[in-house]
Structure formats: C-alpha cells, structure tokens
C-alpha cells in the first residue's frame, strides 16, 4: 500500500493516467517539474487520504475536475506553473480551505523531515517570548513540507526543536525576500534570528 510517490524533477511526459485513482492509500504525491500535459483525471478525487498534491511546473491544462474537492485531507496543493485558469485554482483553494492571505509579514518555510518526523516542531516568537506561529505533527519522513505563516513584523525568533536530540531536520526560511538556512547539525534545538 503505497503512501509516498515522489517523481519530481524528471522529464516524464504524457498525461496523468486515470489509474492514479487506484493508489487510494497515497498520502503524498509529488510530480513537480515534469512535462506532464492533458487534463487532471477525475479519478484524482479517489485519493481521499492525500495530504500533499504537488503538480506545479508541468503543462497540465483544462478545467480542474470537480472531484478534486473530495480531497478534504489536503494540507498542501501546488498547481502553479501549469495552464489551469488562475481563477479556477483560487476557487479550489478556497473550497478546500487552503487559501492564504496576510496583512502582516509572510514567513515561508521548506522543512525537510528526518527519520523521526513526529519529534520535530518549530515556533516563531516575538521579543517578549510570545509564540506567534508554530508547527509540527509531521508523519512522513524525509519529505519536504512547505508551509507559510503570517506573523507580526517583530516575529523574529525561529526555533526548530528536535525531541530526539540528534538534529536532522533541515529548514529553509524566507522572510521579506531574505533566506535563512538550518542545516540539521544541532542537538535538541536551534534558534535563528529571521529579522537580521
């Protein structure tokens, strides 16, 4: 029972087969940066356990199947870089609760989990130590989790925790166009000033 399928950054071409719907235990599907074309098959809606659907950077087109709205467990849906209607993509994102708007400061993270993803958490705090954003609860190991949060301008301290105390998870953090890296070489926690 396949749970993770990552075939990204290849030159796979052709259309996505309707048989994709047979992978009903799939949690993570990443086909980013291939040359896939045609429409998204309606059978995609059979993947109701799916948490990550990453199809950006292909040549997929046509209307999105209404069956995509059955994917209510999605935490990440990436469709940019295709030929889909931007308006239609926005409607799907809103319908699935995946839209994002922010009136403060956007912080984007690409966290790659280690062999014990459930032991990784993070938080962003302001000067007085108050937590303004946090995350964790990862279940897939060695997978990049893209996250975006909205924080106050003074949300400057990013702390990555590893309960296993062996380091391992890595993070790339982007705030106001500046990129910060955590390479996984730490014990139980590492703090980065993302306002510096």
Protein backbone atom coordinates (compact mmCIF):
# COMPACT_ATOMS: atom_id res chain seq x y z
CA UNK A 1 0.00 0.00 0.00
CA UNK A 2 2.00 2.92 -1.38
CA UNK A 3 1.83 6.06 0.79
CA UNK A 4 4.50 8.28 -0.81
CA UNK A 5 5.09 8.82 -4.52
CA UNK A 6 7.70 11.43 -5.43
CA UNK A 7 8.60 11.53 -9.11
CA UNK A 8 9.58 15.19 -9.26
CA UNK A 9 12.28 16.89 -11.37
CA UNK A 10 12.24 14.31 -14.15
CA UNK A 11 11.25 14.64 -17.76
CA UNK A 12 8.13 12.48 -17.54
CA UNK A 13 5.71 13.41 -20.29
CA UNK A 14 2.22 12.46 -21.37
CA UNK A 15 -0.96 12.65 -19.37
CA UNK A 16 -1.59 11.56 -15.81
CA UNK A 17 -3.29 8.15 -16.12
CA UNK A 18 -6.74 7.55 -14.64
CA UNK A 19 -5.22 4.57 -12.80
CA UNK A 20 -3.76 7.10 -10.35
CA UNK A 21 -7.09 6.69 -8.54
CA UNK A 22 -6.13 3.11 -7.62
CA UNK A 23 -3.47 4.42 -5.20
CA UNK A 24 -6.07 5.03 -2.51
CA UNK A 25 -3.60 4.84 0.41
CA UNK A 26 -1.47 7.63 -1.04
CA UNK A 27 -0.66 10.46 1.40
CA UNK A 28 1.94 12.32 -0.68
CA UNK A 29 2.02 12.78 -4.46
CA UNK A 30 4.75 14.99 -5.91
CA UNK A 31 5.07 15.23 -9.69
CA UNK A 32 6.61 18.73 -9.68
CA UNK A 33 8.74 19.87 -12.63
CA UNK A 34 7.99 17.25 -15.26
CA UNK A 35 6.41 17.71 -18.69
CA UNK A 36 3.00 16.22 -17.94
CA UNK A 37 0.18 17.52 -20.13
CA UNK A 38 -3.53 16.99 -20.69
CA UNK A 39 -6.20 17.29 -18.06
CA UNK A 40 -6.19 16.11 -14.48
CA UNK A 41 -8.21 12.86 -14.41
CA UNK A 42 -11.39 12.85 -12.33
CA UNK A 43 -10.05 9.75 -10.57
CA UNK A 44 -7.76 12.08 -8.60
CA UNK A 45 -10.81 12.52 -6.36
CA UNK A 46 -10.49 8.90 -5.22
CA UNK A 47 -7.27 9.75 -3.33
CA UNK A 48 -9.19 10.89 -0.24
CA UNK A 49 -6.27 10.19 2.14
CA UNK A 50 -3.99 12.52 0.18
CA UNK A 51 -2.37 15.27 2.27
CA UNK A 52 0.09 16.65 -0.31
CA UNK A 53 -0.67 17.07 -4.02
CA UNK A 54 2.18 18.83 -5.80
CA UNK A 55 1.79 19.17 -9.56
CA UNK A 56 3.44 22.55 -10.19
CA UNK A 57 5.77 23.11 -13.12
CA UNK A 58 4.07 20.88 -15.70
CA UNK A 59 1.89 21.61 -18.73
CA UNK A 60 -1.41 20.36 -17.33
CA UNK A 61 -4.47 22.20 -18.64
CA UNK A 62 -8.22 22.23 -18.97
CA UNK A 63 -10.81 22.54 -16.27
CA UNK A 64 -10.00 21.07 -12.88
CA UNK A 65 -12.24 18.09 -12.18
CA UNK A 66 -14.90 18.77 -9.54
CA UNK A 67 -13.79 15.52 -7.89
CA UNK A 68 -10.69 17.36 -6.63
CA UNK A 69 -12.98 18.86 -3.98
CA UNK A 70 -13.19 15.40 -2.36
CA UNK A 71 -9.56 15.79 -1.23
CA UNK A 72 -10.52 17.28 2.12
CA UNK A 73 -7.38 15.98 3.89
CA UNK A 74 -5.07 18.12 1.74
CA UNK A 75 -2.71 20.39 3.63
CA UNK A 76 -0.74 21.38 0.54
CA UNK A 77 -1.93 21.80 -3.04
CA UNK A 78 0.52 23.18 -5.62
CA UNK A 79 -0.82 23.74 -9.14
CA UNK A 80 1.16 26.80 -10.32
CA UNK A 81 3.24 26.68 -13.47
CA UNK A 82 0.55 24.81 -15.40
CA UNK A 83 -2.06 26.05 -17.84
CA UNK A 84 -5.01 25.96 -15.42
CA UNK A 85 -7.23 29.01 -15.01
CA UNK A 86 -5.89 31.03 -12.09
CA UNK A 87 -9.44 31.88 -11.07
CA UNK A 88 -10.41 28.20 -11.02
CA UNK A 89 -7.33 27.27 -8.97
CA UNK A 90 -8.16 30.04 -6.49
CA UNK A 91 -11.74 28.75 -6.18
CA UNK A 92 -10.49 25.21 -5.44
CA UNK A 93 -8.01 26.51 -2.88
CA UNK A 94 -10.76 28.45 -1.09
CA UNK A 95 -13.19 25.50 -1.23
CA UNK A 96 -10.56 23.20 0.32
CA UNK A 97 -9.59 25.79 2.96
CA UNK A 98 -6.09 26.20 1.51
CA UNK A 99 -6.23 29.88 0.55
CA UNK A 100 -3.82 32.26 2.25
CA UNK A 101 -3.98 35.98 2.89
CA UNK A 102 -1.86 38.06 5.24
CA UNK A 103 -1.92 41.69 6.38
CA UNK A 104 1.35 41.37 8.31
CA UNK A 105 4.62 39.58 7.45
CA UNK A 106 4.68 36.32 5.48
CA UNK A 107 7.24 33.72 6.51
CA UNK A 108 7.69 30.74 4.20
CA UNK A 109 9.39 27.51 5.24
CA UNK A 110 10.57 24.42 3.44
CA UNK A 111 11.16 21.91 6.25
CA UNK A 112 12.63 18.55 5.30
CA UNK A 113 11.83 16.00 7.97
CA UNK A 114 14.32 13.43 9.24
CA UNK A 115 13.81 9.77 10.20
CA UNK A 116 11.67 10.77 13.22
CA UNK A 117 9.33 13.44 11.78
CA UNK A 118 6.90 13.29 14.70
CA UNK A 119 9.64 14.61 17.01
CA UNK A 120 10.13 17.82 15.03
CA UNK A 121 8.35 21.05 15.95
CA UNK A 122 9.02 24.75 15.38
CA UNK A 123 7.87 28.11 16.62
CA UNK A 124 8.24 31.80 15.84
CA UNK A 125 8.28 34.21 18.77
CA UNK A 126 8.33 37.98 19.27
CA UNK A 127 10.69 39.85 21.60
CA UNK A 128 8.80 39.08 24.83
CA UNK A 129 8.85 35.34 24.06
CA UNK A 130 5.20 35.09 22.99
CA UNK A 131 4.65 32.43 20.32
CA UNK A 132 3.04 33.90 17.19
CA UNK A 133 3.24 30.79 14.96
CA UNK A 134 4.13 27.13 15.46
CA UNK A 135 4.03 23.81 13.70
CA UNK A 136 4.76 20.12 13.96
CA UNK A 137 2.85 16.89 13.80
CA UNK A 138 4.75 15.64 10.76
CA UNK A 139 4.24 11.99 9.83
CA UNK A 140 6.23 11.49 6.62
CA UNK A 141 9.97 11.08 6.94
CA UNK A 142 12.47 12.61 4.51
CA UNK A 143 9.78 14.74 2.87
CA UNK A 144 9.88 18.49 2.31
CA UNK A 145 6.90 20.20 3.94
CA UNK A 146 6.21 23.67 2.52
CA UNK A 147 4.49 25.97 4.98
CA UNK A 148 3.50 29.62 5.01
CA UNK A 149 2.53 31.64 8.08
CA UNK A 150 1.51 35.21 8.78
CA UNK A 151 3.33 36.84 11.71
CA UNK A 152 3.78 40.34 13.16
CA UNK A 153 6.73 42.34 11.85
CA UNK A 154 8.61 41.67 15.11
CA UNK A 155 8.18 37.89 14.82
CA UNK A 156 11.92 37.39 14.56
CA UNK A 157 12.99 34.29 16.51
CA UNK A 158 12.55 30.99 14.68
CA UNK A 159 13.24 27.95 16.87
CA UNK A 160 13.46 24.42 15.50
CA UNK A 161 13.08 21.63 18.05
CA UNK A 162 14.14 18.00 17.68
CA UNK A 163 12.84 15.91 20.56
CA UNK A 164 15.18 13.05 19.58
CA UNK A 165 18.13 15.40 20.28
CA UNK A 166 20.04 14.21 17.23
CA UNK A 167 19.29 17.05 14.84
CA UNK A 168 18.49 16.03 11.32
CA UNK A 169 15.58 18.13 10.08
CA UNK A 170 16.60 20.95 7.77
CA UNK A 171 14.72 24.18 7.07
CA UNK A 172 14.92 26.96 4.52
CA UNK A 173 13.09 30.05 5.81
CA UNK A 174 12.19 33.04 3.63
CA UNK A 175 11.10 36.33 5.18
CA UNK A 176 10.84 39.61 3.26
CA UNK A 177 12.97 38.20 0.44
CA UNK A 178 15.83 37.07 2.67
CA UNK A 179 16.63 33.35 3.01
CA UNK A 180 17.85 31.65 6.19
CA UNK A 181 19.09 28.05 6.41
CA UNK A 182 19.16 25.46 9.19
CA UNK A 183 21.27 22.52 8.08
CA UNK A 184 20.25 19.87 10.62
CA UNK A 185 23.54 19.95 12.52
CA UNK A 186 22.20 20.65 16.03
CA UNK A 187 21.15 18.65 19.07
CA UNK A 188 17.72 19.41 20.55
CA UNK A 189 17.04 22.95 19.28
CA UNK A 190 18.41 25.77 17.21
CA UNK A 191 17.32 29.43 17.17
CA UNK A 192 17.67 31.71 14.15
CA UNK A 193 17.04 35.47 14.09
CA UNK A 194 14.99 35.82 10.89
CA UNK A 195 14.96 39.61 11.12
CA UNK A 196 18.75 40.00 10.91
